[in-house]
Amino acid sequence: CRISAQGCTRSPCGIGAMCYETTGGRPVCS
């Protein structure tokens, strides 16, 4: 919930992971 509020700007993903934002600004880690 916290990450969703801040998007990928605060690096919400784990080490070595990649972050993508959806159309609504929600971050997606892979």
PDB file of all heavy atoms in Angstrom:
ATOM      1  N   CYS A   1       0.837  -1.212   0.000  1.00  0.00           N
ATOM      2  CA  CYS A   1       0.000   0.000   0.000  1.00  0.00           C
ATOM      3  C   CYS A   1       0.856   1.240   0.000  1.00  0.00           C
ATOM      4  O   CYS A   1       0.557   2.229  -0.676  1.00  0.00           O
ATOM      5  CB  CYS A   1      -0.937   0.006   1.215  1.00  0.00           C
ATOM      6  SG  CYS A   1      -2.230  -1.261   1.096  1.00  0.00           S
ATOM      7  N   ARG A   2       1.977   1.166   0.729  1.00  0.00           N
ATOM      8  CA  ARG A   2       2.865   2.310   0.775  1.00  0.00           C
ATOM      9  C   ARG A   2       3.537   2.527  -0.552  1.00  0.00           C
ATOM     10  O   ARG A   2       3.666   3.653  -1.058  1.00  0.00           O
ATOM     11  CB  ARG A   2       3.890   2.110   1.909  1.00  0.00           C
ATOM     12  CG  ARG A   2       4.768   3.377   2.127  1.00  0.00           C
ATOM     13  CD  ARG A   2       5.703   3.228   3.341  1.00  0.00           C
ATOM     14  NE  ARG A   2       6.680   2.159   3.164  1.00  0.00           N
ATOM     15  CZ  ARG A   2       6.657   1.034   3.846  1.00  0.00           C
ATOM     16  NH1 ARG A   2       5.732   0.808   4.773  1.00  0.00           N
ATOM     17  NH2 ARG A   2       7.579   0.116   3.624  1.00  0.00           N
ATOM     18  N   ILE A   3       3.969   1.448  -1.145  1.00  0.00           N
ATOM     19  CA  ILE A   3       4.659   1.546  -2.441  1.00  0.00           C
ATOM     20  C   ILE A   3       3.707   2.070  -3.497  1.00  0.00           C
ATOM     21  O   ILE A   3       4.049   2.883  -4.345  1.00  0.00           O
ATOM     22  CB  ILE A   3       5.233   0.179  -2.848  1.00  0.00           C
ATOM     23  CG1 ILE A   3       6.379  -0.216  -1.923  1.00  0.00           C
ATOM     24  CG2 ILE A   3       5.718   0.160  -4.314  1.00  0.00           C
ATOM     25  CD1 ILE A   3       6.913  -1.620  -2.130  1.00  0.00           C
ATOM     26  N   SER A   4       2.478   1.575  -3.434  1.00  0.00           N
ATOM     27  CA  SER A   4       1.502   2.004  -4.422  1.00  0.00           C
ATOM     28  C   SER A   4       1.262   3.492  -4.353  1.00  0.00           C
ATOM     29  O   SER A   4       1.050   4.158  -5.351  1.00  0.00           O
ATOM     30  CB  SER A   4       0.192   1.231  -4.218  1.00  0.00           C
ATOM     31  OG  SER A   4      -0.790   1.660  -5.104  1.00  0.00           O
ATOM     32  N   ALA A   5       1.348   4.011  -3.186  1.00  0.00           N
ATOM     33  CA  ALA A   5       1.110   5.449  -3.022  1.00  0.00           C
ATOM     34  C   ALA A   5       2.251   6.268  -3.565  1.00  0.00           C
ATOM     35  O   ALA A   5       2.081   7.389  -4.034  1.00  0.00           O
ATOM     36  CB  ALA A   5       0.854   5.767  -1.550  1.00  0.00           C
ATOM     37  N   GLN A   6       3.497   5.705  -3.533  1.00  0.00           N
ATOM     38  CA  GLN A   6       4.664   6.467  -3.948  1.00  0.00           C
ATOM     39  C   GLN A   6       5.170   6.062  -5.305  1.00  0.00           C
ATOM     40  O   GLN A   6       6.112   6.648  -5.842  1.00  0.00           O
ATOM     41  CB  GLN A   6       5.783   6.289  -2.914  1.00  0.00           C
ATOM     42  CG  GLN A   6       5.389   6.815  -1.539  1.00  0.00           C
ATOM     43  CD  GLN A   6       6.463   6.564  -0.498  1.00  0.00           C
ATOM     44  OE1 GLN A   6       7.428   5.836  -0.778  1.00  0.00           O
ATOM     45  NE2 GLN A   6       6.305   7.144   0.701  1.00  0.00           N
ATOM     46  N   GLY A   7       4.613   4.962  -6.026  1.00  0.00           N
ATOM     47  CA  GLY A   7       5.080   4.503  -7.342  1.00  0.00           C
ATOM     48  C   GLY A   7       6.454   3.884  -7.248  1.00  0.00           C
ATOM     49  O   GLY A   7       6.851   3.309  -6.224  1.00  0.00           O
ATOM     50  N   CYS A   8       7.249   3.963  -8.315  1.00  0.00           N
ATOM     51  CA  CYS A   8       8.596   3.369  -8.360  1.00  0.00           C
ATOM     52  C   CYS A   8       9.668   4.334  -7.886  1.00  0.00           C
ATOM     53  O   CYS A   8      10.868   3.987  -7.882  1.00  0.00           O
ATOM     54  CB  CYS A   8       8.901   2.934  -9.814  1.00  0.00           C
ATOM     55  SG  CYS A   8       7.936   1.508 -10.385  1.00  0.00           S
ATOM     56  N   THR A   9       9.251   5.589  -7.449  1.00  0.00           N
ATOM     57  CA  THR A   9      10.251   6.594  -7.082  1.00  0.00           C
ATOM     58  C   THR A   9      11.028   6.207  -5.856  1.00  0.00           C
ATOM     59  O   THR A   9      12.179   6.618  -5.682  1.00  0.00           O
ATOM     60  CB  THR A   9       9.559   7.949  -6.848  1.00  0.00           C
ATOM     61  OG1 THR A   9       8.561   7.803  -5.841  1.00  0.00           O
ATOM     62  CG2 THR A   9       8.926   8.451  -8.144  1.00  0.00           C
ATOM     63  N   ARG A  10      10.457   5.449  -4.966  1.00  0.00           N
ATOM     64  CA  ARG A  10      11.152   5.083  -3.732  1.00  0.00           C
ATOM     65  C   ARG A  10      11.752   3.707  -3.820  1.00  0.00           C
ATOM     66  O   ARG A  10      12.076   3.105  -2.811  1.00  0.00           O
ATOM     67  CB  ARG A  10      10.180   5.155  -2.548  1.00  0.00           C
ATOM     68  CG  ARG A  10       9.702   6.607  -2.287  1.00  0.00           C
ATOM     69  CD  ARG A  10       8.826   6.648  -1.055  1.00  0.00           C
ATOM     70  NE  ARG A  10       9.493   6.222   0.111  1.00  0.00           N
ATOM     71  CZ  ARG A  10      10.203   7.027   0.911  1.00  0.00           C
ATOM     72  NH1 ARG A  10      10.294   8.335   0.648  1.00  0.00           N
ATOM     73  NH2 ARG A  10      10.806   6.564   1.995  1.00  0.00           N
ATOM     74  N   SER A  11      11.891   3.113  -5.084  1.00  0.00           N
ATOM     75  CA  SER A  11      12.487   1.779  -5.295  1.00  0.00           C
ATOM     76  C   SER A  11      11.827   0.752  -4.406  1.00  0.00           C
ATOM     77  O   SER A  11      12.435   0.217  -3.458  1.00  0.00           O
ATOM     78  CB  SER A  11      13.991   1.813  -5.041  1.00  0.00           C
ATOM     79  OG  SER A  11      14.637   2.703  -5.929  1.00  0.00           O
ATOM     80  N   PRO A  12      10.574   0.472  -4.677  1.00  0.00           N
ATOM     81  CA  PRO A  12       9.848  -0.467  -3.818  1.00  0.00           C
ATOM     82  C   PRO A  12      10.222  -1.931  -4.020  1.00  0.00           C
ATOM     83  O   PRO A  12       9.834  -2.779  -3.224  1.00  0.00           O
ATOM     84  CB  PRO A  12       8.399  -0.215  -4.220  1.00  0.00           C
ATOM     85  CG  PRO A  12       8.473   0.179  -5.651  1.00  0.00           C
ATOM     86  CD  PRO A  12       9.730   0.984  -5.780  1.00  0.00           C
ATOM     87  N   CYS A  13      10.978  -2.263  -5.128  1.00  0.00           N
ATOM     88  CA  CYS A  13      11.265  -3.677  -5.444  1.00  0.00           C
ATOM     89  C   CYS A  13      12.513  -4.143  -4.727  1.00  0.00           C
ATOM     90  O   CYS A  13      13.323  -3.355  -4.230  1.00  0.00           O
ATOM     91  CB  CYS A  13      11.414  -3.837  -6.956  1.00  0.00           C
ATOM     92  SG  CYS A  13       9.915  -3.378  -7.850  1.00  0.00           S
ATOM     93  N   GLY A  14      12.689  -5.476  -4.731  1.00  0.00           N
ATOM     94  CA  GLY A  14      13.821  -6.076  -4.071  1.00  0.00           C
ATOM     95  C   GLY A  14      15.110  -5.899  -4.871  1.00  0.00           C
ATOM     96  O   GLY A  14      15.147  -5.293  -5.956  1.00  0.00           O
ATOM     97  N   ILE A  15      16.184  -6.479  -4.328  1.00  0.00           N
ATOM     98  CA  ILE A  15      17.512  -6.353  -4.942  1.00  0.00           C
ATOM     99  C   ILE A  15      17.488  -7.049  -6.308  1.00  0.00           C
ATOM    100  O   ILE A  15      17.062  -8.189  -6.436  1.00  0.00           O
ATOM    101  CB  ILE A  15      18.574  -6.976  -4.036  1.00  0.00           C
ATOM    102  CG1 ILE A  15      18.610  -6.259  -2.687  1.00  0.00           C
ATOM    103  CG2 ILE A  15      19.955  -6.974  -4.698  1.00  0.00           C
ATOM    104  CD1 ILE A  15      19.503  -6.934  -1.644  1.00  0.00           C
ATOM    105  N   GLY A  16      17.981  -6.321  -7.311  1.00  0.00           N
ATOM    106  CA  GLY A  16      18.100  -6.882  -8.656  1.00  0.00           C
ATOM    107  C   GLY A  16      16.801  -6.964  -9.405  1.00  0.00           C
ATOM    108  O   GLY A  16      16.775  -7.395 -10.565  1.00  0.00           O
ATOM    109  N   ALA A  17      15.691  -6.470  -8.745  1.00  0.00           N
ATOM    110  CA  ALA A  17      14.402  -6.552  -9.411  1.00  0.00           C
ATOM    111  C   ALA A  17      14.158  -5.323 -10.271  1.00  0.00           C
ATOM    112  O   ALA A  17      14.825  -4.299 -10.122  1.00  0.00           O
ATOM    113  CB  ALA A  17      13.290  -6.724  -8.387  1.00  0.00           C
ATOM    114  N   MET A  18      13.184  -5.414 -11.160  1.00  0.00           N
ATOM    115  CA  MET A  18      12.804  -4.320 -12.040  1.00  0.00           C
ATOM    116  C   MET A  18      11.416  -3.852 -11.637  1.00  0.00           C
ATOM    117  O   MET A  18      10.571  -4.644 -11.222  1.00  0.00           O
ATOM    118  CB  MET A  18      12.799  -4.779 -13.500  1.00  0.00           C
ATOM    119  CG  MET A  18      14.172  -5.204 -14.003  1.00  0.00           C
ATOM    120  SD  MET A  18      14.107  -5.819 -15.726  1.00  0.00           S
ATOM    121  CE  MET A  18      13.566  -4.335 -16.558  1.00  0.00           C
ATOM    122  N   CYS A  19      11.198  -2.477 -11.777  1.00  0.00           N
ATOM    123  CA  CYS A  19       9.926  -1.889 -11.380  1.00  0.00           C
ATOM    124  C   CYS A  19       9.290  -1.229 -12.596  1.00  0.00           C
ATOM    125  O   CYS A  19       9.945  -0.471 -13.330  1.00  0.00           O
ATOM    126  CB  CYS A  19      10.145  -0.859 -10.258  1.00  0.00           C
ATOM    127  SG  CYS A  19       8.593  -0.134  -9.662  1.00  0.00           S
ATOM    128  N   TYR A  20       7.986  -1.480 -12.758  1.00  0.00           N
ATOM    129  CA  TYR A  20       7.215  -0.866 -13.840  1.00  0.00           C
ATOM    130  C   TYR A  20       5.947  -0.274 -13.237  1.00  0.00           C
ATOM    131  O   TYR A  20       5.404  -0.843 -12.281  1.00  0.00           O
ATOM    132  CB  TYR A  20       6.834  -1.900 -14.908  1.00  0.00           C
ATOM    133  CG  TYR A  20       8.032  -2.551 -15.546  1.00  0.00           C
ATOM    134  CD1 TYR A  20       8.529  -3.751 -15.039  1.00  0.00           C
ATOM    135  CD2 TYR A  20       8.639  -1.962 -16.660  1.00  0.00           C
ATOM    136  CE1 TYR A  20       9.623  -4.344 -15.638  1.00  0.00           C
ATOM    137  CE2 TYR A  20       9.735  -2.564 -17.252  1.00  0.00           C
ATOM    138  CZ  TYR A  20      10.227  -3.758 -16.757  1.00  0.00           C
ATOM    139  OH  TYR A  20      11.303  -4.345 -17.333  1.00  0.00           O
ATOM    140  N   GLU A  21       5.504   0.862 -13.717  1.00  0.00           N
ATOM    141  CA  GLU A  21       4.284   1.495 -13.229  1.00  0.00           C
ATOM    142  C   GLU A  21       3.159   1.231 -14.227  1.00  0.00           C
ATOM    143  O   GLU A  21       3.348   1.365 -15.439  1.00  0.00           O
ATOM    144  CB  GLU A  21       4.470   2.994 -13.059  1.00  0.00           C
ATOM    145  CG  GLU A  21       5.407   3.363 -11.909  1.00  0.00           C
ATOM    146  CD  GLU A  21       5.483   4.870 -11.696  1.00  0.00           C
ATOM    147  OE1 GLU A  21       4.781   5.603 -12.457  1.00  0.00           O
ATOM    148  OE2 GLU A  21       6.211   5.293 -10.800  1.00  0.00           O
ATOM    149  N   THR A  22       1.993   0.896 -13.682  1.00  0.00           N
ATOM    150  CA  THR A  22       0.821   0.690 -14.515  1.00  0.00           C
ATOM    151  C   THR A  22       0.248   2.025 -14.909  1.00  0.00           C
ATOM    152  O   THR A  22       0.742   3.086 -14.491  1.00  0.00           O
ATOM    153  CB  THR A  22      -0.232  -0.134 -13.762  1.00  0.00           C
ATOM    154  OG1 THR A  22      -0.675   0.637 -12.639  1.00  0.00           O
ATOM    155  CG2 THR A  22       0.330  -1.466 -13.295  1.00  0.00           C
ATOM    156  N   THR A  23      -0.836   2.000 -15.660  1.00  0.00           N
ATOM    157  CA  THR A  23      -1.457   3.250 -16.118  1.00  0.00           C
ATOM    158  C   THR A  23      -1.914   4.094 -14.936  1.00  0.00           C
ATOM    159  O   THR A  23      -1.822   5.325 -14.948  1.00  0.00           O
ATOM    160  CB  THR A  23      -2.657   2.926 -17.014  1.00  0.00           C
ATOM    161  OG1 THR A  23      -2.227   2.102 -18.095  1.00  0.00           O
ATOM    162  CG2 THR A  23      -3.289   4.197 -17.584  1.00  0.00           C
ATOM    163  N   GLY A  24      -2.325   3.461 -13.850  1.00  0.00           N
ATOM    164  CA  GLY A  24      -2.775   4.201 -12.665  1.00  0.00           C
ATOM    165  C   GLY A  24      -1.635   4.610 -11.742  1.00  0.00           C
ATOM    166  O   GLY A  24      -1.889   5.063 -10.620  1.00  0.00           O
ATOM    167  N   GLY A  25      -0.384   4.350 -12.159  1.00  0.00           N
ATOM    168  CA  GLY A  25       0.763   4.735 -11.334  1.00  0.00           C
ATOM    169  C   GLY A  25       1.155   3.696 -10.329  1.00  0.00           C
ATOM    170  O   GLY A  25       2.041   3.913  -9.486  1.00  0.00           O
ATOM    171  N   ARG A  26       0.556   2.531 -10.405  1.00  0.00           N
ATOM    172  CA  ARG A  26       0.872   1.450  -9.456  1.00  0.00           C
ATOM    173  C   ARG A  26       2.141   0.768  -9.893  1.00  0.00           C
ATOM    174  O   ARG A  26       2.297   0.401 -11.057  1.00  0.00           O
ATOM    175  CB  ARG A  26      -0.278   0.469  -9.397  1.00  0.00           C
ATOM    176  CG  ARG A  26      -0.034  -0.639  -8.391  1.00  0.00           C
ATOM    177  CD  ARG A  26      -1.176  -1.612  -8.453  1.00  0.00           C
ATOM    178  NE  ARG A  26      -0.934  -2.723  -7.552  1.00  0.00           N
ATOM    179  CZ  ARG A  26      -1.625  -3.849  -7.522  1.00  0.00           C
ATOM    180  NH1 ARG A  26      -2.635  -3.992  -8.405  1.00  0.00           N
ATOM    181  NH2 ARG A  26      -1.354  -4.797  -6.652  1.00  0.00           N
ATOM    182  N   PRO A  27       3.122   0.571  -8.958  1.00  0.00           N
ATOM    183  CA  PRO A  27       4.381  -0.098  -9.329  1.00  0.00           C
ATOM    184  C   PRO A  27       4.181  -1.614  -9.432  1.00  0.00           C
ATOM    185  O   PRO A  27       3.422  -2.194  -8.676  1.00  0.00           O
ATOM    186  CB  PRO A  27       5.314   0.278  -8.186  1.00  0.00           C
ATOM    187  CG  PRO A  27       4.415   0.432  -7.003  1.00  0.00           C
ATOM    188  CD  PRO A  27       3.138   1.028  -7.535  1.00  0.00           C
ATOM    189  N   VAL A  28       4.897  -2.212 -10.406  1.00  0.00           N
ATOM    190  CA  VAL A  28       4.884  -3.673 -10.588  1.00  0.00           C
ATOM    191  C   VAL A  28       6.314  -4.151 -10.622  1.00  0.00           C
ATOM    192  O   VAL A  28       7.134  -3.672 -11.441  1.00  0.00           O
ATOM    193  CB  VAL A  28       4.188  -4.073 -11.896  1.00  0.00           C
ATOM    194  CG1 VAL A  28       4.258  -5.585 -12.080  1.00  0.00           C
ATOM    195  CG2 VAL A  28       2.734  -3.615 -11.888  1.00  0.00           C
ATOM    196  N   CYS A  29       6.688  -5.100  -9.713  1.00  0.00           N
ATOM    197  CA  CYS A  29       8.055  -5.604  -9.601  1.00  0.00           C
ATOM    198  C   CYS A  29       8.187  -6.950 -10.319  1.00  0.00           C
ATOM    199  O   CYS A  29       7.284  -7.793 -10.251  1.00  0.00           O
ATOM    200  CB  CYS A  29       8.441  -5.753  -8.138  1.00  0.00           C
ATOM    201  SG  CYS A  29       8.397  -4.224  -7.198  1.00  0.00           S
ATOM    202  N   SER A  30       9.321  -7.145 -10.996  1.00  0.00           N
ATOM    203  CA  SER A  30       9.580  -8.426 -11.676  1.00  0.00           C
ATOM    204  C   SER A  30      11.071  -8.633 -11.808  1.00  0.00           C
ATOM    205  O   SER A  30      11.844  -7.669 -11.859  1.00  0.00           O
ATOM    206  CB  SER A  30       8.928  -8.447 -13.056  1.00  0.00           C
ATOM    207  OG  SER A  30       9.529  -7.478 -13.888  1.00  0.00           O
TER     208      SER A  30
END
